[in-house]
Every structure is written in C-alpha cells, then in structure tokens.
C-alpha atoms as a PDB file:
ATOM      1  CA  MET A   1      12.773   7.509 -12.797  1.00  0.00           C
ATOM      2  CA  SER A   2      12.865  10.006 -10.078  1.00  0.00           C
ATOM      3  CA  SER A   3       9.452  11.498  -8.402  1.00  0.00           C
ATOM      4  CA  ASP A   4      11.380  14.619  -8.811  1.00  0.00           C
ATOM      5  CA  ARG A   5      11.497  14.033 -12.656  1.00  0.00           C
ATOM      6  CA  GLU A   6       8.019  13.050 -12.852  1.00  0.00           C
ATOM      7  CA  ALA A   7       6.860  15.968 -10.795  1.00  0.00           C
ATOM      8  CA  VAL A   8       8.341  18.185 -13.404  1.00  0.00           C
ATOM      9  CA  LYS A   9       6.906  16.316 -16.162  1.00  0.00           C
ATOM     10  CA  ALA A  10       3.210  16.452 -14.627  1.00  0.00           C
ATOM     11  CA  GLU A  11       3.674  20.358 -14.129  1.00  0.00           C
ATOM     12  CA  PHE A  12       4.958  20.508 -17.739  1.00  0.00           C
ATOM     13  CA  LEU A  13       1.590  18.817 -19.049  1.00  0.00           C
ATOM     14  CA  SER A  14      -0.830  20.920 -16.401  1.00  0.00           C
ATOM     15  CA  ARG A  15       0.856  24.125 -17.620  1.00  0.00           C
ATOM     16  CA  ALA A  16       0.326  22.739 -21.604  1.00  0.00           C
ATOM     17  CA  GLY A  17      -3.398  22.143 -20.669  1.00  0.00           C
ATOM     18  CA  LEU A  18      -2.710  18.502 -20.750  1.00  0.00           C
ATOM     19  CA  GLY A  19      -2.761  17.780 -16.893  1.00  0.00           C
ATOM     20  CA  GLY A  20      -6.067  15.643 -17.619  1.00  0.00           C
ATOM     21  CA  ALA A  21      -4.664  13.479 -20.418  1.00  0.00           C
ATOM     22  CA  LEU A  22      -4.335   9.613 -19.861  1.00  0.00           C
ATOM     23  CA  ARG A  23      -0.491   8.689 -20.277  1.00  0.00           C
ATOM     24  CA  ALA A  24       0.717   5.316 -21.527  1.00  0.00           C
ATOM     25  CA  PRO A  25       4.294   4.649 -21.711  1.00  0.00           C
ATOM     26  CA  LEU A  26       5.600   3.776 -25.267  1.00  0.00           C
ATOM     27  CA  ALA A  27       8.745   1.792 -26.229  1.00  0.00           C
ATOM     28  CA  GLY A  28      11.858   3.582 -25.977  1.00  0.00           C
ATOM     29  CA  ASP A  29      14.796   4.218 -28.689  1.00  0.00           C
ATOM     30  CA  ALA A  30      18.503   3.589 -28.025  1.00  0.00           C
ATOM     31  CA  SER A  31      18.861   6.613 -25.950  1.00  0.00           C
ATOM     32  CA  THR A  32      17.673   8.416 -22.796  1.00  0.00           C
ATOM     33  CA  ARG A  33      14.442   9.626 -23.730  1.00  0.00           C
ATOM     34  CA  ARG A  34      11.659   8.542 -22.735  1.00  0.00           C
ATOM     35  CA  TYR A  35       8.239   8.506 -24.913  1.00  0.00           C
ATOM     36  CA  GLU A  36       4.529   8.215 -23.947  1.00  0.00           C
ATOM     37  CA  ARG A  37       1.160   8.542 -25.663  1.00  0.00           C
ATOM     38  CA  LEU A  38      -1.255  11.088 -24.231  1.00  0.00           C
ATOM     39  CA  THR A  39      -4.821  10.437 -24.725  1.00  0.00           C
ATOM     40  CA  THR A  40      -6.942  13.763 -23.757  1.00  0.00           C
ATOM     41  CA  PRO A  41     -10.382  13.640 -22.167  1.00  0.00           C
ATOM     42  CA  GLY A  42     -11.557  14.746 -25.690  1.00  0.00           C
ATOM     43  CA  GLY A  43     -10.033  11.708 -27.481  1.00  0.00           C
ATOM     44  CA  SER A  44      -6.782  13.470 -29.306  1.00  0.00           C
ATOM     45  CA  SER A  45      -3.844  11.198 -29.232  1.00  0.00           C
ATOM     46  CA  LEU A  46      -0.448  12.810 -28.739  1.00  0.00           C
ATOM     47  CA  ILE A  47       2.997  11.886 -28.341  1.00  0.00           C
ATOM     48  CA  PHE A  48       5.314  13.228 -25.612  1.00  0.00           C
ATOM     49  CA  MET A  49       8.813  12.645 -25.188  1.00  0.00           C
ATOM     50  CA  ASP A  50      11.169  13.640 -22.127  1.00  0.00           C
ATOM     51  CA  GLN A  51      14.650  14.339 -22.756  1.00  0.00           C
ATOM     52  CA  PRO A  52      16.285  14.397 -19.038  1.00  0.00           C
ATOM     53  CA  PRO A  53      18.761  17.190 -19.039  1.00  0.00           C
ATOM     54  CA  ALA A  54      22.392  16.229 -18.761  1.00  0.00           C
ATOM     55  CA  VAL A  55      21.969  12.814 -18.877  1.00  0.00           C
ATOM     56  CA  GLU A  56      23.962  12.042 -22.564  1.00  0.00           C
ATOM     57  CA  SER A  57      27.582  12.975 -22.954  1.00  0.00           C
ATOM     58  CA  THR A  58      28.431  16.161 -25.183  1.00  0.00           C
ATOM     59  CA  PRO A  59      28.469  15.358 -28.709  1.00  0.00           C
ATOM     60  CA  CYS A  60      31.648  15.637 -30.814  1.00  0.00           C
ATOM     61  CA  PRO A  61      32.080  18.930 -32.573  1.00  0.00           C
ATOM     62  CA  PRO A  62      31.644  18.558 -36.629  1.00  0.00           C
ATOM     63  CA  GLU A  63      35.225  19.509 -36.785  1.00  0.00           C
ATOM     64  CA  ALA A  64      36.647  16.859 -34.501  1.00  0.00           C
ATOM     65  CA  THR A  65      39.695  15.074 -35.683  1.00  0.00           C
ATOM     66  CA  PRO A  66      39.674  11.134 -35.892  1.00  0.00           C
ATOM     67  CA  GLU A  67      41.860  11.163 -32.978  1.00  0.00           C
ATOM     68  CA  GLU A  68      39.546  13.565 -30.972  1.00  0.00           C
ATOM     69  CA  ARG A  69      36.689  11.237 -31.893  1.00  0.00           C
ATOM     70  CA  GLN A  70      38.347   8.010 -30.869  1.00  0.00           C
ATOM     71  CA  LYS A  71      39.085   9.977 -27.209  1.00  0.00           C
ATOM     72  CA  ALA A  72      35.503  11.317 -26.852  1.00  0.00           C
ATOM     73  CA  GLY A  73      34.131   7.589 -27.326  1.00  0.00           C
ATOM     74  CA  TYR A  74      31.589   5.950 -29.088  1.00  0.00           C
ATOM     75  CA  ASN A  75      28.667   7.912 -27.581  1.00  0.00           C
ATOM     76  CA  ALA A  76      29.856  11.380 -28.496  1.00  0.00           C
ATOM     77  CA  SER A  77      31.079  10.301 -31.910  1.00  0.00           C
ATOM     78  CA  ALA A  78      27.746   8.468 -33.185  1.00  0.00           C
ATOM     79  CA  ARG A  79      24.899  10.245 -30.885  1.00  0.00           C
ATOM     80  CA  LEU A  80      25.344  13.803 -32.709  1.00  0.00           C
ATOM     81  CA  ALA A  81      22.165  15.204 -31.661  1.00  0.00           C
ATOM     82  CA  ALA A  82      22.878  14.089 -27.875  1.00  0.00           C
ATOM     83  CA  GLY A  83      20.605  15.733 -25.456  1.00  0.00           C
ATOM     84  CA  ARG A  84      19.734  18.638 -27.434  1.00  0.00           C
ATOM     85  CA  ILE A  85      16.064  18.469 -28.967  1.00  0.00           C
ATOM     86  CA  GLU A  86      16.067  21.068 -31.801  1.00  0.00           C
ATOM     87  CA  ALA A  87      16.126  18.268 -34.444  1.00  0.00           C
ATOM     88  CA  PHE A  88      12.741  16.908 -33.018  1.00  0.00           C
ATOM     89  CA  ILE A  89      11.228  20.477 -32.756  1.00  0.00           C
ATOM     90  CA  ALA A  90      12.289  21.141 -36.669  1.00  0.00           C
ATOM     91  CA  ALA A  91      10.781  17.577 -37.608  1.00  0.00           C
ATOM     92  CA  ALA A  92       7.351  18.449 -35.532  1.00  0.00           C
ATOM     93  CA  ASP A  93       7.305  21.982 -37.263  1.00  0.00           C
ATOM     94  CA  TYR A  94       7.706  20.335 -40.791  1.00  0.00           C
ATOM     95  CA  LEU A  95       5.297  17.626 -40.067  1.00  0.00           C
ATOM     96  CA  ARG A  96       2.443  20.278 -38.835  1.00  0.00           C
ATOM     97  CA  ALA A  97       2.923  22.756 -41.728  1.00  0.00           C
ATOM     98  CA  ARG A  98       2.190  19.576 -43.692  1.00  0.00           C
ATOM     99  CA  GLY A  99      -1.250  18.839 -41.955  1.00  0.00           C
ATOM    100  CA  LEU A 100      -0.066  16.161 -39.700  1.00  0.00           C
END
C-alpha cells in the first residue's frame, strides 16, 4: 500500500476522532478492500474498511446482454458492487438500527 494512501487513511481516522486508535490488519476478502480492527483508547472495537478508488473494474449494468458480460470479463460480471460502498453503508445502517 502506498504511503499516500496510508496518509489519506490516517487523515480520515483523525477527522473521525479515531486518530489515537490502535490499528490491526484483518484478513481480506476476494476484493481490493482492506480491513483493520480499530481499538480506541477507551477500549471500543471497530472495523475500518478501505476501498481504494478506481482499483476495481466497472461492473456490468444489470441489463447487459450475455455477450456484453462475456466481453466485459468475469470480474465485471461477478462483482456487481465493484468499488461502490453503498451496500456496506446500507448493511451498517441496518445493523445499527437494530442496536448492533
């Protein structure tokens, strides 16, 4: 990971009031996202997800034909979320609304 990206992450955490949190890398998934466990000075534990912009391919549109999907390649066809994080935000909002 570039030091430029690390600086962006550190600045984000600082602005969010988490600059003093301990950071420990977590196992990744099959994407370009990176995860860290944050432990705050008060002992709270949080998950930090980094989705670098413009790293993943553009997903196929839902209306893409089989030929268009084949031309776009497996990554574009199978990873419909691509670099968008709206699904993660929606899941977090759902869990938060239920007290988790």
